[in-house]
Each structure stands twice: as C-alpha cells, then as structure tokens.
PDB file of N, CA and C in Angstrom:
ATOM      1  N   MET A   1      57.298 -77.730-175.299  1.00  0.00           N
ATOM      2  CA  MET A   1      57.372 -78.014-173.893  1.00  0.00           C
ATOM      3  C   MET A   1      58.786 -77.788-173.406  1.00  0.00           C
ATOM      4  N   GLU A   2      58.877 -77.426-172.162  1.00  0.00           N
ATOM      5  CA  GLU A   2      60.189 -77.168-171.574  1.00  0.00           C
ATOM      6  C   GLU A   2      60.685 -78.434-170.894  1.00  0.00           C
ATOM      7  N   LYS A   3      61.868 -78.320-170.303  1.00  0.00           N
ATOM      8  CA  LYS A   3      62.427 -79.463-169.594  1.00  0.00           C
ATOM      9  C   LYS A   3      61.521 -79.855-168.444  1.00  0.00           C
ATOM     10  N   GLY A   4      61.392 -81.091-168.197  1.00  0.00           N
ATOM     11  CA  GLY A   4      60.612 -81.603-167.095  1.00  0.00           C
ATOM     12  C   GLY A   4      59.175 -81.916-167.495  1.00  0.00           C
ATOM     13  N   GLY A   5      58.752 -81.607-168.696  1.00  0.00           N
ATOM     14  CA  GLY A   5      57.458 -82.022-169.182  1.00  0.00           C
ATOM     15  C   GLY A   5      56.319 -81.044-168.921  1.00  0.00           C
ATOM     16  N   TYR A   6      56.544 -79.848-168.467  1.00  0.00           N
ATOM     17  CA  TYR A   6      55.457 -78.890-168.267  1.00  0.00           C
ATOM     18  C   TYR A   6      55.809 -77.558-168.930  1.00  0.00           C
ATOM     19  N   SER A   7      54.792 -76.761-169.289  1.00  0.00           N
ATOM     20  CA  SER A   7      55.012 -75.457-169.926  1.00  0.00           C
ATOM     21  C   SER A   7      54.828 -74.356-168.887  1.00  0.00           C
ATOM     22  N   ASN A   8      55.474 -73.241-169.112  1.00  0.00           N
ATOM     23  CA  ASN A   8      55.409 -72.097-168.189  1.00  0.00           C
ATOM     24  C   ASN A   8      54.112 -71.320-168.455  1.00  0.00           C
ATOM     25  N   PRO A   9      53.187 -71.177-167.442  1.00  0.00           N
ATOM     26  CA  PRO A   9      51.935 -70.452-167.670  1.00  0.00           C
ATOM     27  C   PRO A   9      52.152 -68.949-167.799  1.00  0.00           C
ATOM     28  N   ASN A  10      53.228 -68.418-167.264  1.00  0.00           N
ATOM     29  CA  ASN A  10      53.529 -66.990-167.341  1.00  0.00           C
ATOM     30  C   ASN A  10      54.818 -66.780-168.134  1.00  0.00           C
ATOM     31  N   PRO A  11      54.705 -66.586-169.434  1.00  0.00           N
ATOM     32  CA  PRO A  11      55.933 -66.383-170.211  1.00  0.00           C
ATOM     33  C   PRO A  11      56.528 -65.015-169.884  1.00  0.00           C
ATOM     34  N   PRO A  12      57.825 -64.831-170.069  1.00  0.00           N
ATOM     35  CA  PRO A  12      58.473 -63.551-169.776  1.00  0.00           C
ATOM     36  C   PRO A  12      57.935 -62.463-170.719  1.00  0.00           C
ATOM     37  N   PRO A  13      57.888 -61.204-170.244  1.00  0.00           N
ATOM     38  CA  PRO A  13      57.386 -60.126-171.103  1.00  0.00           C
ATOM     39  C   PRO A  13      58.314 -59.895-172.282  1.00  0.00           C
ATOM     40  N   PRO A  14      57.778 -59.319-173.366  1.00  0.00           N
ATOM     41  CA  PRO A  14      58.628 -59.049-174.524  1.00  0.00           C
ATOM     42  C   PRO A  14      59.652 -57.970-174.180  1.00  0.00           C
ATOM     43  N   PRO A  15      60.775 -57.952-174.868  1.00  0.00           N
ATOM     44  CA  PRO A  15      61.799 -56.936-174.591  1.00  0.00           C
ATOM     45  C   PRO A  15      61.264 -55.532-174.890  1.00  0.00           C
ATOM     46  N   TYR A  16      61.801 -54.506-174.189  1.00  0.00           N
ATOM     47  CA  TYR A  16      61.375 -53.109-174.341  1.00  0.00           C
ATOM     48  C   TYR A  16      61.675 -52.623-175.752  1.00  0.00           C
ATOM     49  N   SER A  17      60.699 -51.980-176.346  1.00  0.00           N
ATOM     50  CA  SER A  17      60.862 -51.443-177.687  1.00  0.00           C
ATOM     51  C   SER A  17      60.122 -50.108-177.756  1.00  0.00           C
ATOM     52  N   SER A  18      60.687 -49.108-178.383  1.00  0.00           N
ATOM     53  CA  SER A  18      60.056 -47.796-178.499  1.00  0.00           C
ATOM     54  C   SER A  18      59.151 -47.696-179.728  1.00  0.00           C
ATOM     55  N   VAL A  19      59.021 -48.739-180.472  1.00  0.00           N
ATOM     56  CA  VAL A  19      58.244 -48.707-181.701  1.00  0.00           C
ATOM     57  C   VAL A  19      56.740 -48.626-181.413  1.00  0.00           C
ATOM     58  N   GLY A  20      56.238 -49.328-180.446  1.00  0.00           N
ATOM     59  CA  GLY A  20      54.807 -49.388-180.199  1.00  0.00           C
ATOM     60  C   GLY A  20      54.327 -48.471-179.084  1.00  0.00           C
ATOM     61  N   GLN A  21      55.053 -47.403-178.747  1.00  0.00           N
ATOM     62  CA  GLN A  21      54.634 -46.525-177.652  1.00  0.00           C
ATOM     63  C   GLN A  21      53.410 -45.709-178.040  1.00  0.00           C
ATOM     64  N   THR A  22      52.564 -45.452-177.053  1.00  0.00           N
ATOM     65  CA  THR A  22      51.403 -44.594-177.269  1.00  0.00           C
ATOM     66  C   THR A  22      51.618 -43.283-176.530  1.00  0.00           C
ATOM     67  N   THR A  23      51.115 -42.212-177.111  1.00  0.00           N
ATOM     68  CA  THR A  23      51.210 -40.887-176.508  1.00  0.00           C
ATOM     69  C   THR A  23      49.828 -40.470-176.045  1.00  0.00           C
ATOM     70  N   VAL A  24      49.749 -40.002-174.803  1.00  0.00           N
ATOM     71  CA  VAL A  24      48.487 -39.553-174.242  1.00  0.00           C
ATOM     72  C   VAL A  24      48.471 -38.033-174.270  1.00  0.00           C
ATOM     73  N   VAL A  25      47.431 -37.448-174.877  1.00  0.00           N
ATOM     74  CA  VAL A  25      47.281 -36.002-174.945  1.00  0.00           C
ATOM     75  C   VAL A  25      46.157 -35.610-173.994  1.00  0.00           C
ATOM     76  N   VAL A  26      46.454 -34.675-173.092  1.00  0.00           N
ATOM     77  CA  VAL A  26      45.465 -34.208-172.130  1.00  0.00           C
ATOM     78  C   VAL A  26      45.055 -32.793-172.529  1.00  0.00           C
ATOM     79  N   ALA A  27      43.769 -32.597-172.767  1.00  0.00           N
ATOM     80  CA  ALA A  27      43.262 -31.278-173.152  1.00  0.00           C
ATOM     81  C   ALA A  27      42.722 -30.569-171.914  1.00  0.00           C
ATOM     82  N   GLN A  28      42.991 -29.272-171.805  1.00  0.00           N
ATOM     83  CA  GLN A  28      42.487 -28.498-170.685  1.00  0.00           C
ATOM     84  C   GLN A  28      41.063 -28.036-170.968  1.00  0.00           C
ATOM     85  N   GLN A  29      40.300 -27.911-169.904  1.00  0.00           N
ATOM     86  CA  GLN A  29      38.949 -27.387-170.031  1.00  0.00           C
ATOM     87  C   GLN A  29      39.025 -25.892-170.329  1.00  0.00           C
ATOM     88  N   PRO A  30      38.133 -25.370-171.154  1.00  0.00           N
ATOM     89  CA  PRO A  30      38.160 -23.932-171.441  1.00  0.00           C
ATOM     90  C   PRO A  30      37.783 -23.127-170.198  1.00  0.00           C
ATOM     91  N   LEU A  31      38.367 -21.952-170.078  1.00  0.00           N
ATOM     92  CA  LEU A  31      38.093 -21.068-168.958  1.00  0.00           C
ATOM     93  C   LEU A  31      36.766 -20.360-169.192  1.00  0.00           C
ATOM     94  N   VAL A  32      35.869 -20.458-168.217  1.00  0.00           N
ATOM     95  CA  VAL A  32      34.554 -19.848-168.337  1.00  0.00           C
ATOM     96  C   VAL A  32      34.478 -18.702-167.339  1.00  0.00           C
ATOM     97  N   ALA A  33      34.239 -17.496-167.851  1.00  0.00           N
ATOM     98  CA  ALA A  33      34.116 -16.328-166.988  1.00  0.00           C
ATOM     99  C   ALA A  33      32.650 -16.158-166.604  1.00  0.00           C
ATOM    100  N   VAL A  34      32.411 -15.976-165.328  1.00  0.00           N
ATOM    101  CA  VAL A  34      31.062 -15.787-164.837  1.00  0.00           C
ATOM    102  C   VAL A  34      30.809 -14.295-164.703  1.00  0.00           C
ATOM    103  N   GLN A  35      29.749 -13.818-165.332  1.00  0.00           N
ATOM    104  CA  GLN A  35      29.400 -12.403-165.258  1.00  0.00           C
ATOM    105  C   GLN A  35      28.201 -12.235-164.344  1.00  0.00           C
ATOM    106  N   LEU A  36      28.241 -11.175-163.557  1.00  0.00           N
ATOM    107  CA  LEU A  36      27.125 -10.877-162.671  1.00  0.00           C
ATOM    108  C   LEU A  36      26.266  -9.798-163.312  1.00  0.00           C
ATOM    109  N   PHE A  37      25.049 -10.131-163.565  1.00  0.00           N
ATOM    110  CA  PHE A  37      24.094  -9.174-164.118  1.00  0.00           C
ATOM    111  C   PHE A  37      23.322  -8.583-162.948  1.00  0.00           C
ATOM    112  N   ARG A  38      23.593  -7.323-162.633  1.00  0.00           N
ATOM    113  CA  ARG A  38      22.923  -6.639-161.530  1.00  0.00           C
ATOM    114  C   ARG A  38      22.213  -5.416-162.095  1.00  0.00           C
ATOM    115  N   GLU A  39      22.350  -4.248-161.446  1.00  0.00           N
ATOM    116  CA  GLU A  39      21.651  -3.045-161.917  1.00  0.00           C
ATOM    117  C   GLU A  39      22.346  -2.374-163.096  1.00  0.00           C
ATOM    118  N   ALA A  40      23.665  -2.437-163.132  1.00  0.00           N
ATOM    119  CA  ALA A  40      24.436  -1.729-164.160  1.00  0.00           C
ATOM    120  C   ALA A  40      24.518  -2.546-165.454  1.00  0.00           C
ATOM    121  N   PRO A  41      24.608  -1.871-166.608  1.00  0.00           N
ATOM    122  CA  PRO A  41      24.804  -2.587-167.875  1.00  0.00           C
ATOM    123  C   PRO A  41      26.125  -3.357-167.862  1.00  0.00           C
ATOM    124  N   VAL A  42      26.166  -4.464-168.577  1.00  0.00           N
ATOM    125  CA  VAL A  42      27.320  -5.359-168.591  1.00  0.00           C
ATOM    126  C   VAL A  42      27.833  -5.497-170.022  1.00  0.00           C
ATOM    127  N   ARG A  43      29.162  -5.470-170.172  1.00  0.00           N
ATOM    128  CA  ARG A  43      29.763  -5.712-171.491  1.00  0.00           C
ATOM    129  C   ARG A  43      29.911  -7.217-171.666  1.00  0.00           C
ATOM    130  N   THR A  44      29.309  -7.745-172.732  1.00  0.00           N
ATOM    131  CA  THR A  44      29.302  -9.185-172.966  1.00  0.00           C
ATOM    132  C   THR A  44      29.124  -9.473-174.454  1.00  0.00           C
ATOM    133  N   ARG A  45      29.071 -10.744-174.801  1.00  0.00           N
ATOM    134  CA  ARG A  45      28.785 -11.173-176.172  1.00  0.00           C
ATOM    135  C   ARG A  45      27.362 -11.727-176.199  1.00  0.00           C
ATOM    136  N   CYS A  46      26.572 -11.209-177.110  1.00  0.00           N
ATOM    137  CA  CYS A  46      25.181 -11.653-177.230  1.00  0.00           C
ATOM    138  C   CYS A  46      25.153 -13.091-177.744  1.00  0.00           C
ATOM    139  N   GLN A  47      24.403 -13.937-177.071  1.00  0.00           N
ATOM    140  CA  GLN A  47      24.313 -15.338-177.478  1.00  0.00           C
ATOM    141  C   GLN A  47      23.414 -15.551-178.684  1.00  0.00           C
ATOM    142  N   TYR A  48      22.662 -14.527-179.075  1.00  0.00           N
ATOM    143  CA  TYR A  48      21.743 -14.641-180.199  1.00  0.00           C
ATOM    144  C   TYR A  48      22.337 -14.096-181.502  1.00  0.00           C
ATOM    145  N   CYS A  49      22.958 -12.888-181.440  1.00  0.00           N
ATOM    146  CA  CYS A  49      23.508 -12.290-182.661  1.00  0.00           C
ATOM    147  C   CYS A  49      25.037 -12.289-182.675  1.00  0.00           C
ATOM    148  N   SER A  50      25.684 -12.799-181.633  1.00  0.00           N
ATOM    149  CA  SER A  50      27.143 -12.945-181.519  1.00  0.00           C
ATOM    150  C   SER A  50      27.898 -11.624-181.623  1.00  0.00           C
ATOM    151  N   SER A  51      27.300 -10.535-181.206  1.00  0.00           N
ATOM    152  CA  SER A  51      27.959  -9.226-181.223  1.00  0.00           C
ATOM    153  C   SER A  51      28.511  -8.905-179.841  1.00  0.00           C
ATOM    154  N   GLU A  52      29.629  -8.172-179.804  1.00  0.00           N
ATOM    155  CA  GLU A  52      30.145  -7.637-178.538  1.00  0.00           C
ATOM    156  C   GLU A  52      29.291  -6.424-178.199  1.00  0.00           C
ATOM    157  N   ILE A  53      28.607  -6.442-177.050  1.00  0.00           N
ATOM    158  CA  ILE A  53      27.634  -5.398-176.730  1.00  0.00           C
ATOM    159  C   ILE A  53      27.785  -4.926-175.294  1.00  0.00           C
ATOM    160  N   LEU A  54      27.155  -3.810-175.018  1.00  0.00           N
ATOM    161  CA  LEU A  54      26.906  -3.337-173.664  1.00  0.00           C
ATOM    162  C   LEU A  54      25.397  -3.451-173.488  1.00  0.00           C
ATOM    163  N   THR A  55      24.960  -4.291-172.551  1.00  0.00           N
ATOM    164  CA  THR A  55      23.536  -4.580-172.431  1.00  0.00           C
ATOM    165  C   THR A  55      22.736  -3.330-172.113  1.00  0.00           C
ATOM    166  N   SER A  56      21.525  -3.290-172.599  1.00  0.00           N
ATOM    167  CA  SER A  56      20.599  -2.227-172.215  1.00  0.00           C
ATOM    168  C   SER A  56      19.730  -2.782-171.093  1.00  0.00           C
ATOM    169  N   THR A  57      19.444  -1.934-170.106  1.00  0.00           N
ATOM    170  CA  THR A  57      18.693  -2.393-168.945  1.00  0.00           C
ATOM    171  C   THR A  57      17.316  -1.745-168.910  1.00  0.00           C
ATOM    172  N   ALA A  58      16.363  -2.493-168.410  1.00  0.00           N
ATOM    173  CA  ALA A  58      14.996  -2.002-168.212  1.00  0.00           C
ATOM    174  C   ALA A  58      14.500  -2.555-166.880  1.00  0.00           C
ATOM    175  N   TYR A  59      13.621  -1.814-166.236  1.00  0.00           N
ATOM    176  CA  TYR A  59      13.096  -2.215-164.940  1.00  0.00           C
ATOM    177  C   TYR A  59      11.677  -2.741-165.088  1.00  0.00           C
ATOM    178  N   GLU A  60      11.409  -3.860-164.416  1.00  0.00           N
ATOM    179  CA  GLU A  60      10.080  -4.463-164.439  1.00  0.00           C
ATOM    180  C   GLU A  60       9.631  -4.770-163.018  1.00  0.00           C
ATOM    181  N   THR A  61       8.347  -4.694-162.795  1.00  0.00           N
ATOM    182  CA  THR A  61       7.776  -4.994-161.492  1.00  0.00           C
ATOM    183  C   THR A  61       8.025  -6.455-161.146  1.00  0.00           C
ATOM    184  N   GLY A  62       8.516  -6.668-159.922  1.00  0.00           N
ATOM    185  CA  GLY A  62       8.817  -8.029-159.494  1.00  0.00           C
ATOM    186  C   GLY A  62       8.279  -8.322-158.107  1.00  0.00           C
ATOM    187  N   THR A  63       8.767  -9.376-157.520  1.00  0.00           N
ATOM    188  CA  THR A  63       8.296  -9.833-156.214  1.00  0.00           C
ATOM    189  C   THR A  63       8.545  -8.811-155.116  1.00  0.00           C
ATOM    190  N   VAL A  64       9.711  -8.177-155.127  1.00  0.00           N
ATOM    191  CA  VAL A  64      10.037  -7.202-154.085  1.00  0.00           C
ATOM    192  C   VAL A  64       9.100  -6.000-154.164  1.00  0.00           C
ATOM    193  N   THR A  65       8.731  -5.585-155.356  1.00  0.00           N
ATOM    194  CA  THR A  65       7.810  -4.464-155.522  1.00  0.00           C
ATOM    195  C   THR A  65       6.458  -4.781-154.893  1.00  0.00           C
ATOM    196  N   TRP A  66       5.923  -5.947-155.201  1.00  0.00           N
ATOM    197  CA  TRP A  66       4.630  -6.345-154.644  1.00  0.00           C
ATOM    198  C   TRP A  66       4.709  -6.552-153.132  1.00  0.00           C
ATOM    199  N   LEU A  67       5.822  -7.084-152.660  1.00  0.00           N
ATOM    200  CA  LEU A  67       5.994  -7.302-151.227  1.00  0.00           C
ATOM    201  C   LEU A  67       6.065  -5.971-150.476  1.00  0.00           C
ATOM    202  N   ALA A  68       6.808  -5.006-151.032  1.00  0.00           N
ATOM    203  CA  ALA A  68       6.892  -3.678-150.414  1.00  0.00           C
ATOM    204  C   ALA A  68       5.526  -2.996-150.420  1.00  0.00           C
ATOM    205  N   CYS A  69       4.764  -3.172-151.473  1.00  0.00           N
ATOM    206  CA  CYS A  69       3.410  -2.610-151.549  1.00  0.00           C
ATOM    207  C   CYS A  69       2.514  -3.222-150.478  1.00  0.00           C
ATOM    208  N   ALA A  70       2.574  -4.534-150.315  1.00  0.00           N
ATOM    209  CA  ALA A  70       1.741  -5.212-149.328  1.00  0.00           C
ATOM    210  C   ALA A  70       2.121  -4.805-147.905  1.00  0.00           C
ATOM    211  N   ILE A  71       3.421  -4.695-147.640  1.00  0.00           N
ATOM    212  CA  ILE A  71       3.865  -4.295-146.304  1.00  0.00           C
ATOM    213  C   ILE A  71       3.439  -2.861-146.005  1.00  0.00           C
ATOM    214  N   THR A  72       3.574  -1.980-146.982  1.00  0.00           N
ATOM    215  CA  THR A  72       3.167  -0.585-146.794  1.00  0.00           C
ATOM    216  C   THR A  72       1.662  -0.489-146.543  1.00  0.00           C
ATOM    217  N   ALA A  73       0.870  -1.262-147.257  1.00  0.00           N
ATOM    218  CA  ALA A  73      -0.583  -1.256-147.060  1.00  0.00           C
ATOM    219  C   ALA A  73      -0.947  -1.852-145.709  1.00  0.00           C
ATOM    220  N   PHE A  74      -0.227  -2.877-145.288  1.00  0.00           N
ATOM    221  CA  PHE A  74      -0.503  -3.522-144.006  1.00  0.00           C
ATOM    222  C   PHE A  74      -0.205  -2.590-142.836  1.00  0.00           C
ATOM    223  N   VAL A  75       0.829  -1.760-142.993  1.00  0.00           N
ATOM    224  CA  VAL A  75       1.207  -0.811-141.942  1.00  0.00           C
ATOM    225  C   VAL A  75       0.154   0.294-141.807  1.00  0.00           C
ATOM    226  N   GLY A  76      -0.585   0.548-142.864  1.00  0.00           N
ATOM    227  CA  GLY A  76      -1.644   1.538-142.767  1.00  0.00           C
ATOM    228  C   GLY A  76      -1.594   2.596-143.849  1.00  0.00           C
ATOM    229  N   CYS A  77      -0.640   2.508-144.754  1.00  0.00           N
ATOM    230  CA  CYS A  77      -0.536   3.492-145.835  1.00  0.00           C
ATOM    231  C   CYS A  77      -1.237   2.956-147.069  1.00  0.00           C
ATOM    232  N   TRP A  78      -2.549   2.784-147.003  1.00  0.00           N
ATOM    233  CA  TRP A  78      -3.268   2.163-148.097  1.00  0.00           C
ATOM    234  C   TRP A  78      -3.964   3.149-149.016  1.00  0.00           C
ATOM    235  N   LEU A  79      -3.931   4.442-148.725  1.00  0.00           N
ATOM    236  CA  LEU A  79      -4.627   5.417-149.566  1.00  0.00           C
ATOM    237  C   LEU A  79      -3.869   5.823-150.827  1.00  0.00           C
ATOM    238  N   GLY A  80      -2.800   5.186-151.125  1.00  0.00           N
ATOM    239  CA  GLY A  80      -2.028   5.538-152.313  1.00  0.00           C
ATOM    240  C   GLY A  80      -0.542   5.473-152.042  1.00  0.00           C
ATOM    241  N   CYS A  81      -0.174   5.579-150.782  1.00  0.00           N
ATOM    242  CA  CYS A  81       1.252   5.477-150.439  1.00  0.00           C
ATOM    243  C   CYS A  81       1.793   4.085-150.693  1.00  0.00           C
ATOM    244  N   CYS A  82       0.915   3.095-150.678  1.00  0.00           N
ATOM    245  CA  CYS A  82       1.366   1.724-150.927  1.00  0.00           C
ATOM    246  C   CYS A  82       1.792   1.525-152.391  1.00  0.00           C
ATOM    247  N   LEU A  83       1.466   2.498-153.254  1.00  0.00           N
ATOM    248  CA  LEU A  83       1.851   2.407-154.667  1.00  0.00           C
ATOM    249  C   LEU A  83       3.242   2.995-154.945  1.00  0.00           C
ATOM    250  N   ILE A  84       3.854   3.596-153.940  1.00  0.00           N
ATOM    251  CA  ILE A  84       5.178   4.207-154.117  1.00  0.00           C
ATOM    252  C   ILE A  84       6.227   3.194-154.593  1.00  0.00           C
ATOM    253  N   PRO A  85       6.275   1.941-154.093  1.00  0.00           N
ATOM    254  CA  PRO A  85       7.290   0.989-154.589  1.00  0.00           C
ATOM    255  C   PRO A  85       7.244   0.758-156.094  1.00  0.00           C
ATOM    256  N   PHE A  86       6.095   0.991-156.735  1.00  0.00           N
ATOM    257  CA  PHE A  86       6.000   0.817-158.184  1.00  0.00           C
ATOM    258  C   PHE A  86       6.685   1.957-158.942  1.00  0.00           C
ATOM    259  N   CYS A  87       7.031   3.048-158.237  1.00  0.00           N
ATOM    260  CA  CYS A  87       7.718   4.185-158.850  1.00  0.00           C
ATOM    261  C   CYS A  87       9.217   4.189-158.567  1.00  0.00           C
ATOM    262  N   ILE A  88       9.687   3.286-157.717  1.00  0.00           N
ATOM    263  CA  ILE A  88      11.089   3.261-157.321  1.00  0.00           C
ATOM    264  C   ILE A  88      11.796   2.112-158.049  1.00  0.00           C
ATOM    265  N   ASP A  89      12.843   2.459-158.831  1.00  0.00           N
ATOM    266  CA  ASP A  89      13.579   1.436-159.579  1.00  0.00           C
ATOM    267  C   ASP A  89      14.324   0.478-158.645  1.00  0.00           C
ATOM    268  N   GLY A  90      14.655   0.909-157.447  1.00  0.00           N
ATOM    269  CA  GLY A  90      15.358   0.055-156.497  1.00  0.00           C
ATOM    270  C   GLY A  90      14.536  -1.117-156.001  1.00  0.00           C
ATOM    271  N   CYS A  91      13.245  -1.087-156.227  1.00  0.00           N
ATOM    272  CA  CYS A  91      12.358  -2.187-155.830  1.00  0.00           C
ATOM    273  C   CYS A  91      12.046  -3.128-156.989  1.00  0.00           C
ATOM    274  N   LYS A  92      12.437  -2.761-158.183  1.00  0.00           N
ATOM    275  CA  LYS A  92      12.055  -3.529-159.371  1.00  0.00           C
ATOM    276  C   LYS A  92      13.171  -4.463-159.821  1.00  0.00           C
ATOM    277  N   ASP A  93      12.813  -5.479-160.611  1.00  0.00           N
ATOM    278  CA  ASP A  93      13.780  -6.383-161.227  1.00  0.00           C
ATOM    279  C   ASP A  93      14.418  -5.696-162.434  1.00  0.00           C
ATOM    280  N   VAL A  94      15.647  -6.108-162.777  1.00  0.00           N
ATOM    281  CA  VAL A  94      16.366  -5.511-163.904  1.00  0.00           C
ATOM    282  C   VAL A  94      16.475  -6.543-165.028  1.00  0.00           C
ATOM    283  N   VAL A  95      16.064  -6.149-166.221  1.00  0.00           N
ATOM    284  CA  VAL A  95      16.127  -7.019-167.391  1.00  0.00           C
ATOM    285  C   VAL A  95      17.229  -6.501-168.311  1.00  0.00           C
ATOM    286  N   HIS A  96      18.215  -7.368-168.618  1.00  0.00           N
ATOM    287  CA  HIS A  96      19.314  -7.020-169.524  1.00  0.00           C
ATOM    288  C   HIS A  96      18.984  -7.570-170.905  1.00  0.00           C
ATOM    289  N   SER A  97      19.052  -6.715-171.918  1.00  0.00           N
ATOM    290  CA  SER A  97      18.763  -7.153-173.281  1.00  0.00           C
ATOM    291  C   SER A  97      19.819  -6.622-174.238  1.00  0.00           C
ATOM    292  N   CYS A  98      19.884  -7.234-175.418  1.00  0.00           N
ATOM    293  CA  CYS A  98      20.836  -6.838-176.454  1.00  0.00           C
ATOM    294  C   CYS A  98      20.297  -5.610-177.179  1.00  0.00           C
ATOM    295  N   PRO A  99      21.111  -4.551-177.321  1.00  0.00           N
ATOM    296  CA  PRO A  99      20.627  -3.374-178.044  1.00  0.00           C
ATOM    297  C   PRO A  99      20.507  -3.600-179.560  1.00  0.00           C
ATOM    298  N   ASN A 100      21.161  -4.637-180.097  1.00  0.00           N
ATOM    299  CA  ASN A 100      21.096  -4.914-181.541  1.00  0.00           C
ATOM    300  C   ASN A 100      19.863  -5.736-181.917  1.00  0.00           C
ATOM    301  N   CYS A 101      19.720  -6.903-181.287  1.00  0.00           N
ATOM    302  CA  CYS A 101      18.625  -7.803-181.676  1.00  0.00           C
ATOM    303  C   CYS A 101      17.465  -7.781-180.680  1.00  0.00           C
ATOM    304  N   HIS A 102      17.593  -7.045-179.594  1.00  0.00           N
ATOM    305  CA  HIS A 102      16.538  -6.841-178.596  1.00  0.00           C
ATOM    306  C   HIS A 102      16.089  -8.126-177.903  1.00  0.00           C
ATOM    307  N   GLN A 103      16.946  -9.141-177.879  1.00  0.00           N
ATOM    308  CA  GLN A 103      16.647 -10.375-177.153  1.00  0.00           C
ATOM    309  C   GLN A 103      17.035 -10.203-175.685  1.00  0.00           C
ATOM    310  N   VAL A 104      16.276 -10.799-174.782  1.00  0.00           N
ATOM    311  CA  VAL A 104      16.599 -10.755-173.353  1.00  0.00           C
ATOM    312  C   VAL A 104      17.774 -11.700-173.095  1.00  0.00           C
ATOM    313  N   ILE A 105      18.842 -11.151-172.493  1.00  0.00           N
ATOM    314  CA  ILE A 105      20.049 -11.927-172.222  1.00  0.00           C
ATOM    315  C   ILE A 105      20.045 -12.454-170.787  1.00  0.00           C
ATOM    316  N   ALA A 106      19.653 -11.610-169.838  1.00  0.00           N
ATOM    317  CA  ALA A 106      19.642 -12.018-168.428  1.00  0.00           C
ATOM    318  C   ALA A 106      18.612 -11.202-167.676  1.00  0.00           C
ATOM    319  N   ARG A 107      18.320 -11.679-166.475  1.00  0.00           N
ATOM    320  CA  ARG A 107      17.355 -10.984-165.617  1.00  0.00           C
ATOM    321  C   ARG A 107      17.895 -11.031-164.199  1.00  0.00           C
ATOM    322  N   TYR A 108      17.901  -9.858-163.525  1.00  0.00           N
ATOM    323  CA  TYR A 108      18.334  -9.771-162.138  1.00  0.00           C
ATOM    324  C   TYR A 108      17.088  -9.619-161.284  1.00  0.00           C
ATOM    325  N   ASN A 109      16.755 -10.669-160.532  1.00  0.00           N
ATOM    326  CA  ASN A 109      15.610 -10.640-159.628  1.00  0.00           C
ATOM    327  C   ASN A 109      16.085 -10.188-158.249  1.00  0.00           C
ATOM    328  N   ARG A 110      15.413  -9.229-157.692  1.00  0.00           N
ATOM    329  CA  ARG A 110      15.804  -8.713-156.378  1.00  0.00           C
ATOM    330  C   ARG A 110      15.557  -9.733-155.271  1.00  0.00           C
ATOM    331  N   MET A 111      14.617 -10.601-155.438  1.00  0.00           N
ATOM    332  CA  MET A 111      14.273 -11.561-154.386  1.00  0.00           C
ATOM    333  C   MET A 111      15.142 -12.770-154.457  1.00  0.00           C
TER     334      MET A 111
END
C-alpha cells in the first residue's frame, strides 16, 4: 500500500525496452493479369497441363447465330437464306482450347 492507505489502480507503464519488440511483415497480393479471349488465339499457360501455349480456336453455333437465323426468316428469307448465319464465323461463338491436352480453356460468347 502507498501513503495514505490506498493503492494506485493505474500503475505507471514499464520502462521502454527494445527486447520485446514485435515486427509486422506485410505481404503484397500477387499481380493477376486478365486476358481477353476473343476471336484471335491467345498466348497463355494451360491450367490443365501447365504448358505455355498459343490457344487453338474453333467456332461453334451460339445464340447470335440462331438469333440472326430467326431474324432473317422473319424478314422473309426463309427458303434457305436464313441458314447463311450458320456459315459465317462472325456469327458464331469462339472456343479456345489447349493444343497439347485439348482441354477447353475459355469460350467467347458473342451475346
């Protein structure tokens, strides 16, 4: 007990010492590059076989192809002209795949 018969509820802090210091390490987030898969082949790393590749592209019938066919038929070109969008790659979706393991890496939908 201190003088006067009462104790101090807030004792003074301990003296400064460099012995018990903690060091905080801050790690940076890794940089993630976003690749756009469109009509042209893309150079990337395959997520399945881990090879550096240039994707192979293939065209598949998609929503825009069917929509162009329906619009052409609705306008009055139903005798076979409505099938022209199925022959045009610009109306189709593009599928990017790995040339090594043949897995689909990405798909570019026109719609």
